[in-house]
């Protein structure tokens, strides 16, 4: 890697860390409000979809070597990003029969 790429990578890492801390603080501030937490999750899911279908699609490689490097990175660093949805049955499991 050259110095410019290293600097960009470091800046991206720092920006993502700052964003992560901000989101965690927001979640902690609203930890007792399921509607607010649901709004956060919906926003994150929408942003994920927007990035995936827009900017990420535009940034996809246009040659085999770049595609190989992208696939190698995906494999090495944990696969494809995915946001699983909580199932209603999981929510209901937290309730006892008395509460229903």
PDB file of N, CA and C in Angstrom:
ATOM      1  N   UNK A   1       0.840  -1.192   0.000  1.00  0.00           N
ATOM      2  CA  UNK A   1       0.000   0.000   0.000  1.00  0.00           C
ATOM      3  C   UNK A   1       0.875   1.241   0.000  1.00  0.00           C
ATOM      4  N   UNK A   2       0.385   2.251  -0.671  1.00  0.00           N
ATOM      5  CA  UNK A   2       1.139   3.486  -0.628  1.00  0.00           C
ATOM      6  C   UNK A   2       0.660   4.346   0.535  1.00  0.00           C
ATOM      7  N   UNK A   3       1.376   5.432   0.788  1.00  0.00           N
ATOM      8  CA  UNK A   3       1.078   6.276   1.943  1.00  0.00           C
ATOM      9  C   UNK A   3      -0.320   6.876   1.862  1.00  0.00           C
ATOM     10  N   UNK A   4      -0.735   7.306   0.671  1.00  0.00           N
ATOM     11  CA  UNK A   4      -2.061   7.897   0.509  1.00  0.00           C
ATOM     12  C   UNK A   4      -3.153   6.879   0.830  1.00  0.00           C
ATOM     13  N   UNK A   5      -2.999   5.654   0.349  1.00  0.00           N
ATOM     14  CA  UNK A   5      -3.980   4.604   0.628  1.00  0.00           C
ATOM     15  C   UNK A   5      -4.009   4.275   2.113  1.00  0.00           C
ATOM     16  N   UNK A   6      -2.830   4.223   2.744  1.00  0.00           N
ATOM     17  CA  UNK A   6      -2.763   3.981   4.191  1.00  0.00           C
ATOM     18  C   UNK A   6      -3.488   5.078   4.961  1.00  0.00           C
ATOM     19  N   UNK A   7      -3.265   6.336   4.564  1.00  0.00           N
ATOM     20  CA  UNK A   7      -3.919   7.463   5.238  1.00  0.00           C
ATOM     21  C   UNK A   7      -5.433   7.412   5.063  1.00  0.00           C
ATOM     22  N   UNK A   8      -5.892   7.065   3.860  1.00  0.00           N
ATOM     23  CA  UNK A   8      -7.329   6.954   3.614  1.00  0.00           C
ATOM     24  C   UNK A   8      -7.926   5.823   4.444  1.00  0.00           C
ATOM     25  N   UNK A   9      -7.220   4.709   4.521  1.00  0.00           N
ATOM     26  CA  UNK A   9      -7.691   3.569   5.302  1.00  0.00           C
ATOM     27  C   UNK A   9      -7.773   3.924   6.781  1.00  0.00           C
ATOM     28  N   UNK A  10      -6.763   4.619   7.286  1.00  0.00           N
ATOM     29  CA  UNK A  10      -6.757   5.042   8.686  1.00  0.00           C
ATOM     30  C   UNK A  10      -7.888   6.024   8.952  1.00  0.00           C
ATOM     31  N   UNK A  11      -8.105   6.975   8.040  1.00  0.00           N
ATOM     32  CA  UNK A  11      -9.180   7.949   8.210  1.00  0.00           C
ATOM     33  C   UNK A  11     -10.539   7.262   8.188  1.00  0.00           C
ATOM     34  N   UNK A  12     -10.722   6.316   7.273  1.00  0.00           N
ATOM     35  CA  UNK A  12     -11.982   5.570   7.219  1.00  0.00           C
ATOM     36  C   UNK A  12     -12.210   4.822   8.529  1.00  0.00           C
ATOM     37  N   UNK A  13     -11.176   4.145   9.020  1.00  0.00           N
ATOM     38  CA  UNK A  13     -11.286   3.412  10.285  1.00  0.00           C
ATOM     39  C   UNK A  13     -11.684   4.366  11.413  1.00  0.00           C
ATOM     40  N   UNK A  14     -11.036   5.518  11.491  1.00  0.00           N
ATOM     41  CA  UNK A  14     -11.346   6.494  12.538  1.00  0.00           C
ATOM     42  C   UNK A  14     -12.774   7.019  12.411  1.00  0.00           C
ATOM     43  N   UNK A  15     -13.194   7.309  11.180  1.00  0.00           N
ATOM     44  CA  UNK A  15     -14.558   7.795  10.955  1.00  0.00           C
ATOM     45  C   UNK A  15     -15.588   6.743  11.358  1.00  0.00           C
ATOM     46  N   UNK A  16     -15.331   5.492  11.004  1.00  0.00           N
ATOM     47  CA  UNK A  16     -16.258   4.417  11.362  1.00  0.00           C
ATOM     48  C   UNK A  16     -16.308   4.207  12.869  1.00  0.00           C
ATOM     49  N   UNK A  17     -15.166   4.317  13.532  1.00  0.00           N
ATOM     50  CA  UNK A  17     -15.135   4.195  14.996  1.00  0.00           C
ATOM     51  C   UNK A  17     -15.954   5.305  15.644  1.00  0.00           C
ATOM     52  N   UNK A  18     -15.798   6.541  15.155  1.00  0.00           N
ATOM     53  CA  UNK A  18     -16.568   7.668  15.699  1.00  0.00           C
ATOM     54  C   UNK A  18     -18.061   7.458  15.502  1.00  0.00           C
ATOM     55  N   UNK A  19     -18.432   7.006  14.315  1.00  0.00           N
ATOM     56  CA  UNK A  19     -19.839   6.740  14.025  1.00  0.00           C
ATOM     57  C   UNK A  19     -20.385   5.627  14.918  1.00  0.00           C
ATOM     58  N   UNK A  20     -19.601   4.586  15.119  1.00  0.00           N
ATOM     59  CA  UNK A  20     -20.008   3.476  15.984  1.00  0.00           C
ATOM     60  C   UNK A  20     -20.238   3.955  17.413  1.00  0.00           C
ATOM     61  N   UNK A  21     -19.329   4.775  17.927  1.00  0.00           N
ATOM     62  CA  UNK A  21     -19.486   5.304  19.290  1.00  0.00           C
ATOM     63  C   UNK A  21     -20.745   6.168  19.393  1.00  0.00           C
ATOM     64  N   UNK A  22     -20.994   6.979  18.379  1.00  0.00           N
ATOM     65  CA  UNK A  22     -22.179   7.830  18.372  1.00  0.00           C
ATOM     66  C   UNK A  22     -23.459   6.992  18.369  1.00  0.00           C
ATOM     67  N   UNK A  23     -23.496   5.964  17.539  1.00  0.00           N
ATOM     68  CA  UNK A  23     -24.680   5.100  17.472  1.00  0.00           C
ATOM     69  C   UNK A  23     -24.896   4.332  18.773  1.00  0.00           C
ATOM     70  N   UNK A  24     -23.809   3.861  19.375  1.00  0.00           N
ATOM     71  CA  UNK A  24     -23.947   3.165  20.664  1.00  0.00           C
ATOM     72  C   UNK A  24     -24.485   4.098  21.742  1.00  0.00           C
ATOM     73  N   UNK A  25     -23.982   5.329  21.764  1.00  0.00           N
ATOM     74  CA  UNK A  25     -24.453   6.304  22.751  1.00  0.00           C
ATOM     75  C   UNK A  25     -25.931   6.609  22.532  1.00  0.00           C
ATOM     76  N   UNK A  26     -26.334   6.752  21.285  1.00  0.00           N
ATOM     77  CA  UNK A  26     -27.740   6.993  20.971  1.00  0.00           C
ATOM     78  C   UNK A  26     -28.606   5.824  21.439  1.00  0.00           C
ATOM     79  N   UNK A  27     -28.146   4.615  21.176  1.00  0.00           N
ATOM     80  CA  UNK A  27     -28.886   3.422  21.606  1.00  0.00           C
ATOM     81  C   UNK A  27     -28.975   3.358  23.129  1.00  0.00           C
ATOM     82  N   UNK A  28     -27.893   3.662  23.811  1.00  0.00           N
ATOM     83  CA  UNK A  28     -27.908   3.639  25.277  1.00  0.00           C
ATOM     84  C   UNK A  28     -28.853   4.698  25.838  1.00  0.00           C
ATOM     85  N   UNK A  29     -28.911   5.860  25.192  1.00  0.00           N
ATOM     86  CA  UNK A  29     -29.814   6.922  25.651  1.00  0.00           C
ATOM     87  C   UNK A  29     -31.282   6.536  25.503  1.00  0.00           C
ATOM     88  N   UNK A  30     -31.576   5.617  24.601  1.00  0.00           N
ATOM     89  CA  UNK A  30     -32.962   5.217  24.339  1.00  0.00           C
ATOM     90  C   UNK A  30     -33.189   3.734  24.614  1.00  0.00           C
ATOM     91  N   UNK A  31     -32.350   3.141  25.450  1.00  0.00           N
ATOM     92  CA  UNK A  31     -32.409   1.693  25.686  1.00  0.00           C
ATOM     93  C   UNK A  31     -33.741   1.213  26.257  1.00  0.00           C
ATOM     94  N   UNK A  32     -34.470   2.092  26.903  1.00  0.00           N
ATOM     95  CA  UNK A  32     -35.740   1.678  27.509  1.00  0.00           C
ATOM     96  C   UNK A  32     -36.954   2.050  26.651  1.00  0.00           C
ATOM     97  N   UNK A  33     -36.715   2.484  25.426  1.00  0.00           N
ATOM     98  CA  UNK A  33     -37.791   2.902  24.527  1.00  0.00           C
ATOM     99  C   UNK A  33     -37.767   2.034  23.265  1.00  0.00           C
ATOM    100  N   UNK A  34     -38.581   0.974  23.238  1.00  0.00           N
ATOM    101  CA  UNK A  34     -38.533   0.055  22.090  1.00  0.00           C
ATOM    102  C   UNK A  34     -38.910   0.720  20.767  1.00  0.00           C
ATOM    103  N   UNK A  35     -39.759   1.745  20.804  1.00  0.00           N
ATOM    104  CA  UNK A  35     -40.138   2.442  19.572  1.00  0.00           C
ATOM    105  C   UNK A  35     -38.931   3.203  19.014  1.00  0.00           C
ATOM    106  N   UNK A  36     -38.183   3.852  19.885  1.00  0.00           N
ATOM    107  CA  UNK A  36     -36.982   4.569  19.449  1.00  0.00           C
ATOM    108  C   UNK A  36     -35.926   3.598  18.934  1.00  0.00           C
ATOM    109  N   UNK A  37     -35.769   2.473  19.633  1.00  0.00           N
ATOM    110  CA  UNK A  37     -34.791   1.474  19.191  1.00  0.00           C
ATOM    111  C   UNK A  37     -35.189   0.903  17.831  1.00  0.00           C
ATOM    112  N   UNK A  38     -36.481   0.663  17.640  1.00  0.00           N
ATOM    113  CA  UNK A  38     -36.973   0.168  16.358  1.00  0.00           C
ATOM    114  C   UNK A  38     -36.722   1.196  15.252  1.00  0.00           C
ATOM    115  N   UNK A  39     -36.907   2.463  15.565  1.00  0.00           N
ATOM    116  CA  UNK A  39     -36.628   3.525  14.592  1.00  0.00           C
ATOM    117  C   UNK A  39     -35.150   3.526  14.200  1.00  0.00           C
ATOM    118  N   UNK A  40     -34.277   3.328  15.184  1.00  0.00           N
ATOM    119  CA  UNK A  40     -32.836   3.247  14.881  1.00  0.00           C
ATOM    120  C   UNK A  40     -32.546   2.072  13.957  1.00  0.00           C
ATOM    121  N   UNK A  41     -33.108   0.905  14.280  1.00  0.00           N
ATOM    122  CA  UNK A  41     -32.870  -0.287  13.460  1.00  0.00           C
ATOM    123  C   UNK A  41     -33.402  -0.103  12.043  1.00  0.00           C
ATOM    124  N   UNK A  42     -34.570   0.516  11.920  1.00  0.00           N
ATOM    125  CA  UNK A  42     -35.126   0.773  10.587  1.00  0.00           C
ATOM    126  C   UNK A  42     -34.240   1.735   9.799  1.00  0.00           C
ATOM    127  N   UNK A  43     -33.730   2.739  10.478  1.00  0.00           N
ATOM    128  CA  UNK A  43     -32.844   3.698   9.818  1.00  0.00           C
ATOM    129  C   UNK A  43     -31.569   3.017   9.347  1.00  0.00           C
ATOM    130  N   UNK A  44     -30.981   2.182  10.210  1.00  0.00           N
ATOM    131  CA  UNK A  44     -29.765   1.460   9.826  1.00  0.00           C
ATOM    132  C   UNK A  44     -30.024   0.504   8.666  1.00  0.00           C
ATOM    133  N   UNK A  45     -31.164  -0.179   8.707  1.00  0.00           N
ATOM    134  CA  UNK A  45     -31.509  -1.091   7.620  1.00  0.00           C
ATOM    135  C   UNK A  45     -31.697  -0.322   6.312  1.00  0.00           C
ATOM    136  N   UNK A  46     -32.358   0.820   6.382  1.00  0.00           N
ATOM    137  CA  UNK A  46     -32.558   1.644   5.190  1.00  0.00           C
ATOM    138  C   UNK A  46     -31.248   2.159   4.636  1.00  0.00           C
ATOM    139  N   UNK A  47     -30.362   2.582   5.519  1.00  0.00           N
ATOM    140  CA  UNK A  47     -29.051   3.054   5.081  1.00  0.00           C
ATOM    141  C   UNK A  47     -28.252   1.921   4.451  1.00  0.00           C
ATOM    142  N   UNK A  48     -28.318   0.742   5.051  1.00  0.00           N
ATOM    143  CA  UNK A  48     -27.641  -0.430   4.500  1.00  0.00           C
ATOM    144  C   UNK A  48     -28.127  -0.691   3.073  1.00  0.00           C
ATOM    145  N   UNK A  49     -29.430  -0.681   2.880  1.00  0.00           N
ATOM    146  CA  UNK A  49     -30.016  -0.921   1.556  1.00  0.00           C
ATOM    147  C   UNK A  49     -29.596   0.180   0.573  1.00  0.00           C
ATOM    148  N   UNK A  50     -29.654   1.427   1.029  1.00  0.00           N
ATOM    149  CA  UNK A  50     -29.288   2.562   0.181  1.00  0.00           C
ATOM    150  C   UNK A  50     -27.832   2.472  -0.279  1.00  0.00           C
ATOM    151  N   UNK A  51     -26.941   2.171   0.643  1.00  0.00           N
ATOM    152  CA  UNK A  51     -25.523   2.049   0.291  1.00  0.00           C
ATOM    153  C   UNK A  51     -25.281   0.871  -0.639  1.00  0.00           C
ATOM    154  N   UNK A  52     -25.910  -0.267  -0.332  1.00  0.00           N
ATOM    155  CA  UNK A  52     -25.714  -1.478  -1.131  1.00  0.00           C
ATOM    156  C   UNK A  52     -26.220  -1.288  -2.554  1.00  0.00           C
ATOM    157  N   UNK A  53     -27.412  -0.720  -2.702  1.00  0.00           N
ATOM    158  CA  UNK A  53     -28.032  -0.604  -4.020  1.00  0.00           C
ATOM    159  C   UNK A  53     -27.551   0.611  -4.802  1.00  0.00           C
ATOM    160  N   UNK A  54     -26.915   1.554  -4.139  1.00  0.00           N
ATOM    161  CA  UNK A  54     -26.476   2.775  -4.809  1.00  0.00           C
ATOM    162  C   UNK A  54     -24.970   2.850  -4.959  1.00  0.00           C
ATOM    163  N   UNK A  55     -24.345   3.444  -3.980  1.00  0.00           N
ATOM    164  CA  UNK A  55     -22.911   3.720  -4.061  1.00  0.00           C
ATOM    165  C   UNK A  55     -22.064   2.461  -4.179  1.00  0.00           C
ATOM    166  N   UNK A  56     -22.433   1.398  -3.467  1.00  0.00           N
ATOM    167  CA  UNK A  56     -21.647   0.166  -3.551  1.00  0.00           C
ATOM    168  C   UNK A  56     -21.725  -0.427  -4.955  1.00  0.00           C
ATOM    169  N   UNK A  57     -22.925  -0.460  -5.528  1.00  0.00           N
ATOM    170  CA  UNK A  57     -23.081  -0.992  -6.884  1.00  0.00           C
ATOM    171  C   UNK A  57     -22.220  -0.206  -7.873  1.00  0.00           C
ATOM    172  N   UNK A  58     -22.188   1.114  -7.705  1.00  0.00           N
ATOM    173  CA  UNK A  58     -21.396   1.963  -8.592  1.00  0.00           C
ATOM    174  C   UNK A  58     -19.903   1.725  -8.422  1.00  0.00           C
ATOM    175  N   UNK A  59     -19.496   1.314  -7.230  1.00  0.00           N
ATOM    176  CA  UNK A  59     -18.074   1.133  -6.932  1.00  0.00           C
ATOM    177  C   UNK A  59     -17.561  -0.260  -7.268  1.00  0.00           C
ATOM    178  N   UNK A  60     -18.445  -1.158  -7.700  1.00  0.00           N
ATOM    179  CA  UNK A  60     -18.008  -2.528  -7.995  1.00  0.00           C
ATOM    180  C   UNK A  60     -16.943  -2.541  -9.086  1.00  0.00           C
ATOM    181  N   UNK A  61     -16.016  -3.479  -8.994  1.00  0.00           N
ATOM    182  CA  UNK A  61     -14.903  -3.548  -9.946  1.00  0.00           C
ATOM    183  C   UNK A  61     -15.377  -3.781 -11.382  1.00  0.00           C
ATOM    184  N   UNK A  62     -14.561  -3.294 -12.303  1.00  0.00           N
ATOM    185  CA  UNK A  62     -14.885  -3.478 -13.714  1.00  0.00           C
ATOM    186  C   UNK A  62     -13.854  -4.350 -14.432  1.00  0.00           C
ATOM    187  N   UNK A  63     -12.981  -5.008 -13.638  1.00  0.00           N
ATOM    188  CA  UNK A  63     -12.034  -5.946 -14.244  1.00  0.00           C
ATOM    189  C   UNK A  63     -11.822  -7.135 -13.304  1.00  0.00           C
ATOM    190  N   UNK A  64     -11.286  -8.195 -13.845  1.00  0.00           N
ATOM    191  CA  UNK A  64     -11.155  -9.448 -13.082  1.00  0.00           C
ATOM    192  C   UNK A  64     -10.236  -9.325 -11.878  1.00  0.00           C
ATOM    193  N   UNK A  65      -9.120  -8.627 -12.036  1.00  0.00           N
ATOM    194  CA  UNK A  65      -8.171  -8.511 -10.932  1.00  0.00           C
ATOM    195  C   UNK A  65      -8.793  -7.760  -9.755  1.00  0.00           C
ATOM    196  N   UNK A  66      -9.479  -6.672 -10.046  1.00  0.00           N
ATOM    197  CA  UNK A  66     -10.128  -5.902  -8.980  1.00  0.00           C
ATOM    198  C   UNK A  66     -11.248  -6.719  -8.331  1.00  0.00           C
ATOM    199  N   UNK A  67     -11.987  -7.474  -9.134  1.00  0.00           N
ATOM    200  CA  UNK A  67     -13.038  -8.337  -8.588  1.00  0.00           C
ATOM    201  C   UNK A  67     -12.434  -9.413  -7.695  1.00  0.00           C
ATOM    202  N   UNK A  68     -11.329  -9.999  -8.137  1.00  0.00           N
ATOM    203  CA  UNK A  68     -10.637 -11.007  -7.332  1.00  0.00           C
ATOM    204  C   UNK A  68     -10.217 -10.408  -5.990  1.00  0.00           C
ATOM    205  N   UNK A  69      -9.658  -9.208  -6.010  1.00  0.00           N
ATOM    206  CA  UNK A  69      -9.227  -8.554  -4.771  1.00  0.00           C
ATOM    207  C   UNK A  69     -10.409  -8.280  -3.840  1.00  0.00           C
ATOM    208  N   UNK A  70     -11.537  -7.866  -4.414  1.00  0.00           N
ATOM    209  CA  UNK A  70     -12.731  -7.625  -3.605  1.00  0.00           C
ATOM    210  C   UNK A  70     -13.227  -8.921  -2.970  1.00  0.00           C
ATOM    211  N   UNK A  71     -13.312  -9.977  -3.761  1.00  0.00           N
ATOM    212  CA  UNK A  71     -13.779 -11.265  -3.236  1.00  0.00           C
ATOM    213  C   UNK A  71     -12.826 -11.816  -2.178  1.00  0.00           C
ATOM    214  N   UNK A  72     -11.540 -11.622  -2.393  1.00  0.00           N
ATOM    215  CA  UNK A  72     -10.543 -12.055  -1.412  1.00  0.00           C
ATOM    216  C   UNK A  72     -10.736 -11.293  -0.098  1.00  0.00           C
ATOM    217  N   UNK A  73     -11.005 -10.000  -0.186  1.00  0.00           N
ATOM    218  CA  UNK A  73     -11.237  -9.191   1.006  1.00  0.00           C
ATOM    219  C   UNK A  73     -12.510  -9.634   1.723  1.00  0.00           C
ATOM    220  N   UNK A  74     -13.568  -9.900   0.958  1.00  0.00           N
ATOM    221  CA  UNK A  74     -14.827 -10.365   1.557  1.00  0.00           C
ATOM    222  C   UNK A  74     -14.599 -11.670   2.305  1.00  0.00           C
ATOM    223  N   UNK A  75     -13.870 -12.576   1.696  1.00  0.00           N
ATOM    224  CA  UNK A  75     -13.610 -13.870   2.332  1.00  0.00           C
ATOM    225  C   UNK A  75     -12.729 -13.725   3.567  1.00  0.00           C
ATOM    226  N   UNK A  76     -11.713 -12.886   3.487  1.00  0.00           N
ATOM    227  CA  UNK A  76     -10.750 -12.749   4.583  1.00  0.00           C
ATOM    228  C   UNK A  76     -11.327 -12.000   5.783  1.00  0.00           C
ATOM    229  N   UNK A  77     -12.268 -11.094   5.539  1.00  0.00           N
ATOM    230  CA  UNK A  77     -12.734 -10.224   6.619  1.00  0.00           C
ATOM    231  C   UNK A  77     -14.164 -10.488   7.057  1.00  0.00           C
ATOM    232  N   UNK A  78     -14.667 -11.693   6.834  1.00  0.00           N
ATOM    233  CA  UNK A  78     -15.935 -12.045   7.451  1.00  0.00           C
ATOM    234  C   UNK A  78     -17.147 -12.125   6.563  1.00  0.00           C
ATOM    235  N   UNK A  79     -16.981 -12.136   5.288  1.00  0.00           N
ATOM    236  CA  UNK A  79     -18.126 -12.355   4.421  1.00  0.00           C
ATOM    237  C   UNK A  79     -18.922 -11.109   4.113  1.00  0.00           C
ATOM    238  N   UNK A  80     -20.121 -11.363   3.619  1.00  0.00           N
ATOM    239  CA  UNK A  80     -20.999 -10.302   3.148  1.00  0.00           C
ATOM    240  C   UNK A  80     -21.767  -9.693   4.309  1.00  0.00           C
ATOM    241  N   UNK A  81     -21.873  -8.352   4.381  1.00  0.00           N
ATOM    242  CA  UNK A  81     -22.641  -7.735   5.459  1.00  0.00           C
ATOM    243  C   UNK A  81     -24.124  -8.085   5.345  1.00  0.00           C
ATOM    244  N   UNK A  82     -24.728  -8.402   6.462  1.00  0.00           N
ATOM    245  CA  UNK A  82     -26.131  -8.784   6.479  1.00  0.00           C
ATOM    246  C   UNK A  82     -26.757  -8.279   7.765  1.00  0.00           C
ATOM    247  N   UNK A  83     -27.961  -7.753   7.653  1.00  0.00           N
ATOM    248  CA  UNK A  83     -28.686  -7.295   8.832  1.00  0.00           C
ATOM    249  C   UNK A  83     -29.882  -8.223   9.031  1.00  0.00           C
ATOM    250  N   UNK A  84     -29.763  -9.201   9.942  1.00  0.00           N
ATOM    251  CA  UNK A  84     -30.889 -10.118  10.167  1.00  0.00           C
ATOM    252  C   UNK A  84     -32.032  -9.406  10.892  1.00  0.00           C
ATOM    253  N   UNK A  85     -33.220  -9.858  10.634  1.00  0.00           N
ATOM    254  CA  UNK A  85     -34.405  -9.298  11.296  1.00  0.00           C
ATOM    255  C   UNK A  85     -34.806 -10.183  12.468  1.00  0.00           C
ATOM    256  N   UNK A  86     -35.257  -9.545  13.508  1.00  0.00           N
ATOM    257  CA  UNK A  86     -35.769 -10.263  14.670  1.00  0.00           C
ATOM    258  C   UNK A  86     -37.148 -10.812  14.324  1.00  0.00           C
ATOM    259  N   UNK A  87     -37.375 -12.039  14.641  1.00  0.00           N
ATOM    260  CA  UNK A  87     -38.678 -12.657  14.377  1.00  0.00           C
ATOM    261  C   UNK A  87     -39.606 -12.412  15.563  1.00  0.00           C
ATOM    262  N   UNK A  88     -40.880 -12.307  15.254  1.00  0.00           N
ATOM    263  CA  UNK A  88     -41.875 -12.084  16.298  1.00  0.00           C
ATOM    264  C   UNK A  88     -41.820 -13.185  17.345  1.00  0.00           C
ATOM    265  N   UNK A  89     -41.552 -14.412  16.925  1.00  0.00           N
ATOM    266  CA  UNK A  89     -41.480 -15.520  17.884  1.00  0.00           C
ATOM    267  C   UNK A  89     -40.362 -15.295  18.903  1.00  0.00           C
ATOM    268  N   UNK A  90     -39.282 -14.649  18.493  1.00  0.00           N
ATOM    269  CA  UNK A  90     -38.189 -14.353  19.429  1.00  0.00           C
ATOM    270  C   UNK A  90     -38.637 -13.358  20.489  1.00  0.00           C
ATOM    271  N   UNK A  91     -39.443 -12.399  20.081  1.00  0.00           N
ATOM    272  CA  UNK A  91     -39.957 -11.414  21.038  1.00  0.00           C
ATOM    273  C   UNK A  91     -40.897 -12.096  22.028  1.00  0.00           C
ATOM    274  N   UNK A  92     -41.757 -12.948  21.503  1.00  0.00           N
ATOM    275  CA  UNK A  92     -42.734 -13.623  22.361  1.00  0.00           C
ATOM    276  C   UNK A  92     -42.083 -14.593  23.336  1.00  0.00           C
ATOM    277  N   UNK A  93     -40.941 -15.157  22.977  1.00  0.00           N
ATOM    278  CA  UNK A  93     -40.241 -16.075  23.876  1.00  0.00           C
ATOM    279  C   UNK A  93     -39.805 -15.385  25.159  1.00  0.00           C
ATOM    280  N   UNK A  94     -39.612 -14.075  25.100  1.00  0.00           N
ATOM    281  CA  UNK A  94     -39.181 -13.324  26.278  1.00  0.00           C
ATOM    282  C   UNK A  94     -40.307 -13.117  27.281  1.00  0.00           C
ATOM    283  N   UNK A  95     -41.512 -13.358  26.866  1.00  0.00           N
ATOM    284  CA  UNK A  95     -42.650 -13.208  27.759  1.00  0.00           C
ATOM    285  C   UNK A  95     -42.987 -14.550  28.382  1.00  0.00           C
ATOM    286  N   UNK A  96     -43.411 -14.506  29.583  1.00  0.00           N
ATOM    287  CA  UNK A  96     -43.880 -15.749  30.206  1.00  0.00           C
ATOM    288  C   UNK A  96     -45.347 -15.952  29.843  1.00  0.00           C
ATOM    289  N   UNK A  97     -45.846 -17.133  30.055  1.00  0.00           N
ATOM    290  CA  UNK A  97     -47.255 -17.414  29.774  1.00  0.00           C
ATOM    291  C   UNK A  97     -48.185 -16.543  30.614  1.00  0.00           C
ATOM    292  N   UNK A  98     -47.731 -16.132  31.786  1.00  0.00           N
ATOM    293  CA  UNK A  98     -48.544 -15.284  32.651  1.00  0.00           C
ATOM    294  C   UNK A  98     -48.770 -13.913  32.030  1.00  0.00           C
ATOM    295  N   UNK A  99     -47.762 -13.413  31.318  1.00  0.00           N
ATOM    296  CA  UNK A  99     -47.866 -12.082  30.729  1.00  0.00           C
ATOM    297  C   UNK A  99     -48.790 -12.057  29.526  1.00  0.00           C
ATOM    298  N   UNK A 100     -48.964 -13.188  28.883  1.00  0.00           N
ATOM    299  CA  UNK A 100     -49.830 -13.238  27.707  1.00  0.00           C
ATOM    300  C   UNK A 100     -51.249 -13.306  28.170  1.00  0.00           C
TER     301      UNK A 100
END
